[in-house]
C-alpha atoms as a PDB file:
ATOM      1  CA  MET A   1       8.405   8.466   7.265  1.00  0.00           C
ATOM      2  CA  LEU A   2       7.783   5.722   4.767  1.00  0.00           C
ATOM      3  CA  ILE A   3       4.416   4.140   4.457  1.00  0.00           C
ATOM      4  CA  TYR A   4       3.238   1.284   2.370  1.00  0.00           C
ATOM      5  CA  LYS A   5       0.852  -0.204  -0.173  1.00  0.00           C
ATOM      6  CA  ILE A   6       0.295  -3.602  -1.098  1.00  0.00           C
ATOM      7  CA  PHE A   7      -0.466  -3.912  -5.125  1.00  0.00           C
ATOM      8  CA  ARG A   8      -1.723  -6.896  -6.744  1.00  0.00           C
ATOM      9  CA  ALA A   9       1.205  -7.629  -9.876  1.00  0.00           C
ATOM     10  CA  ASN A  10      -1.228  -6.505 -12.359  1.00  0.00           C
ATOM     11  CA  GLU A  11      -2.337  -3.369 -10.276  1.00  0.00           C
ATOM     12  CA  TRP A  12       0.966  -2.388 -10.061  1.00  0.00           C
ATOM     13  CA  ALA A  13       1.909  -2.935 -14.008  1.00  0.00           C
ATOM     14  CA  GLN A  14      -1.236  -0.897 -14.745  1.00  0.00           C
ATOM     15  CA  MET A  15       0.046   1.799 -12.505  1.00  0.00           C
ATOM     16  CA  GLN A  16       3.361   1.558 -14.221  1.00  0.00           C
ATOM     17  CA  ALA A  17       1.642   2.227 -17.575  1.00  0.00           C
ATOM     18  CA  ASP A  18      -0.759   4.852 -16.465  1.00  0.00           C
ATOM     19  CA  GLY A  19       1.829   6.931 -14.495  1.00  0.00           C
ATOM     20  CA  GLN A  20      -0.860   6.895 -11.411  1.00  0.00           C
ATOM     21  CA  THR A  21      -3.695   5.227  -9.949  1.00  0.00           C
ATOM     22  CA  LEU A  22      -6.396   5.808  -7.720  1.00  0.00           C
ATOM     23  CA  GLY A  23      -5.961   2.065  -6.253  1.00  0.00           C
ATOM     24  CA  ALA A  24      -7.439  -1.201  -6.174  1.00  0.00           C
ATOM     25  CA  PRO A  25     -11.158  -1.784  -6.084  1.00  0.00           C
ATOM     26  CA  ILE A  26     -11.322  -1.371  -2.344  1.00  0.00           C
ATOM     27  CA  ASP A  27      -9.310   1.921  -2.398  1.00  0.00           C
ATOM     28  CA  LEU A  28     -12.423   3.256  -5.443  1.00  0.00           C
ATOM     29  CA  ALA A  29     -15.147   2.017  -3.446  1.00  0.00           C
ATOM     30  CA  ASP A  30     -13.864   4.036  -0.356  1.00  0.00           C
ATOM     31  CA  GLY A  31     -12.795   6.848  -2.350  1.00  0.00           C
ATOM     32  CA  PHE A  32      -9.123   7.018  -1.315  1.00  0.00           C
ATOM     33  CA  VAL A  33      -5.829   4.852  -1.452  1.00  0.00           C
ATOM     34  CA  HIS A  34      -5.135   2.990   1.339  1.00  0.00           C
ATOM     35  CA  PHE A  35      -1.730   2.705   3.020  1.00  0.00           C
ATOM     36  CA  SER A  36      -0.345   1.176   6.380  1.00  0.00           C
ATOM     37  CA  SER A  37       2.211   2.210   8.318  1.00  0.00           C
ATOM     38  CA  GLY A  38       5.529  -0.062   9.120  1.00  0.00           C
ATOM     39  CA  GLU A  39       3.855  -1.255  12.104  1.00  0.00           C
ATOM     40  CA  THR A  40       0.294  -2.204  10.555  1.00  0.00           C
ATOM     41  CA  VAL A  41       1.582  -3.493   7.133  1.00  0.00           C
ATOM     42  CA  GLN A  42       2.420  -6.978   8.247  1.00  0.00           C
ATOM     43  CA  THR A  43      -1.422  -7.337   9.585  1.00  0.00           C
ATOM     44  CA  THR A  44      -2.817  -5.681   6.568  1.00  0.00           C
ATOM     45  CA  ALA A  45      -0.989  -8.238   4.415  1.00  0.00           C
ATOM     46  CA  ALA A  46      -2.413 -11.203   6.339  1.00  0.00           C
ATOM     47  CA  LEU A  47      -5.880  -9.866   6.694  1.00  0.00           C
ATOM     48  CA  TYR A  48      -6.477  -8.725   3.310  1.00  0.00           C
ATOM     49  CA  PHE A  49      -3.810 -10.734   1.021  1.00  0.00           C
ATOM     50  CA  ALA A  50      -3.605 -14.014   2.933  1.00  0.00           C
ATOM     51  CA  ASP A  51      -4.057 -16.200  -0.181  1.00  0.00           C
ATOM     52  CA  ALA A  52      -2.725 -13.739  -2.880  1.00  0.00           C
ATOM     53  CA  ASP A  53       0.562 -14.417  -4.826  1.00  0.00           C
ATOM     54  CA  ASP A  54       2.613 -11.762  -7.186  1.00  0.00           C
ATOM     55  CA  LEU A  55       2.117  -9.282  -4.570  1.00  0.00           C
ATOM     56  CA  VAL A  56       4.254  -5.796  -4.889  1.00  0.00           C
ATOM     57  CA  LEU A  57       5.138  -3.915  -1.981  1.00  0.00           C
ATOM     58  CA  VAL A  58       5.172   0.102  -2.706  1.00  0.00           C
ATOM     59  CA  ALA A  59       6.831   2.736  -0.232  1.00  0.00           C
ATOM     60  CA  VAL A  60       6.153   6.312  -0.319  1.00  0.00           C
ATOM     61  CA  GLU A  61       7.289   8.818   1.862  1.00  0.00           C
ATOM     62  CA  ALA A  62       4.291  10.299   3.745  1.00  0.00           C
ATOM     63  CA  ASP A  63       6.319  13.641   4.797  1.00  0.00           C
ATOM     64  CA  GLY A  64       5.096  16.602   2.669  1.00  0.00           C
ATOM     65  CA  LEU A  65       2.700  13.984   0.904  1.00  0.00           C
ATOM     66  CA  ASP A  66      -0.591  16.462  -0.099  1.00  0.00           C
ATOM     67  CA  ALA A  67      -3.925  15.159   0.550  1.00  0.00           C
ATOM     68  CA  LEU A  68      -2.793  12.214   3.197  1.00  0.00           C
ATOM     69  CA  LYS A  69      -4.903  12.177   6.297  1.00  0.00           C
ATOM     70  CA  TRP A  70      -4.391   9.652   9.272  1.00  0.00           C
ATOM     71  CA  GLU A  71      -7.855   8.425  10.129  1.00  0.00           C
ATOM     72  CA  PRO A  72      -8.875   5.578  12.585  1.00  0.00           C
ATOM     73  CA  SER A  73      -9.898   2.326  11.261  1.00  0.00           C
ATOM     74  CA  ARG A  74      -8.679  -1.371  12.749  1.00  0.00           C
ATOM     75  CA  GLY A  75      -9.078  -1.114  16.749  1.00  0.00           C
ATOM     76  CA  GLY A  76      -8.795   2.778  16.360  1.00  0.00           C
ATOM     77  CA  GLN A  77      -5.472   2.320  15.058  1.00  0.00           C
ATOM     78  CA  LEU A  78      -4.207   5.530  12.488  1.00  0.00           C
ATOM     79  CA  PHE A  79      -3.975   4.690   8.891  1.00  0.00           C
ATOM     80  CA  PRO A  80      -2.709   6.865   6.134  1.00  0.00           C
ATOM     81  CA  HIS A  81      -5.496   7.350   3.519  1.00  0.00           C
ATOM     82  CA  LEU A  82      -4.813   9.615   0.063  1.00  0.00           C
ATOM     83  CA  PHE A  83      -7.413  11.712  -1.194  1.00  0.00           C
ATOM     84  CA  ARG A  84      -5.883  11.986  -4.487  1.00  0.00           C
ATOM     85  CA  ALA A  85      -4.211   9.575  -7.221  1.00  0.00           C
ATOM     86  CA  LEU A  86      -1.047   7.999  -5.998  1.00  0.00           C
ATOM     87  CA  ARG A  87       1.750   8.715  -8.941  1.00  0.00           C
ATOM     88  CA  MET A  88       4.701   7.231  -9.660  1.00  0.00           C
ATOM     89  CA  GLN A  89       6.881  10.214  -8.603  1.00  0.00           C
ATOM     90  CA  ASP A  90       5.298   9.490  -5.047  1.00  0.00           C
ATOM     91  CA  VAL A  91       6.876   6.136  -5.214  1.00  0.00           C
ATOM     92  CA  VAL A  92      10.004   5.524  -3.257  1.00  0.00           C
ATOM     93  CA  TRP A  93      10.946   1.699  -4.170  1.00  0.00           C
ATOM     94  CA  SER A  94       8.652  -1.395  -4.870  1.00  0.00           C
ATOM     95  CA  ARG A  95       9.452  -4.822  -4.712  1.00  0.00           C
ATOM     96  CA  PRO A  96       7.826  -8.466  -4.717  1.00  0.00           C
ATOM     97  CA  LEU A  97       6.064  -9.260  -1.781  1.00  0.00           C
ATOM     98  CA  PRO A  98       6.557 -12.905  -1.592  1.00  0.00           C
ATOM     99  CA  ILE A  99       4.875 -15.620   0.941  1.00  0.00           C
ATOM    100  CA  VAL A 100       6.797 -18.090   2.717  1.00  0.00           C
ATOM    101  CA  ASP A 101       5.232 -20.646   4.996  1.00  0.00           C
ATOM    102  CA  GLY A 102       1.833 -18.507   4.920  1.00  0.00           C
ATOM    103  CA  VAL A 103       3.849 -15.600   6.209  1.00  0.00           C
ATOM    104  CA  HIS A 104       4.465 -12.437   3.823  1.00  0.00           C
ATOM    105  CA  GLN A 105       8.241 -11.856   3.798  1.00  0.00           C
ATOM    106  CA  LEU A 106       8.410  -7.962   4.434  1.00  0.00           C
ATOM    107  CA  GLY A 107      12.321  -7.652   4.578  1.00  0.00           C
ATOM    108  CA  ASP A 108      13.783  -4.459   5.658  1.00  0.00           C
ATOM    109  CA  LEU A 109      11.014  -1.561   5.407  1.00  0.00           C
ATOM    110  CA  SER A 110      13.287   1.397   5.054  1.00  0.00           C
END
């Protein structure tokens, strides 16, 4: 099962340069890397990245990912949280996440 992380372009560039990341400022503050499922990523984009451009959507395979826990968050929904650095080798794919008419264009999430 794929899970998704939304990065700002500069955060993604830094991860690529470093080979890993502990995440964005909110991830650092919370002590884990926040992810979304396919069912929650659109809402995450709308709530936390409404005015952001230059976004990158990153997919990670959750099955077998060590230090991943599913924990309740918004409205009791379960969200994947990674309790270690996200490494480039964890990434299945990445692509730009454009906004068209105020809506993030996720495309095919497979």
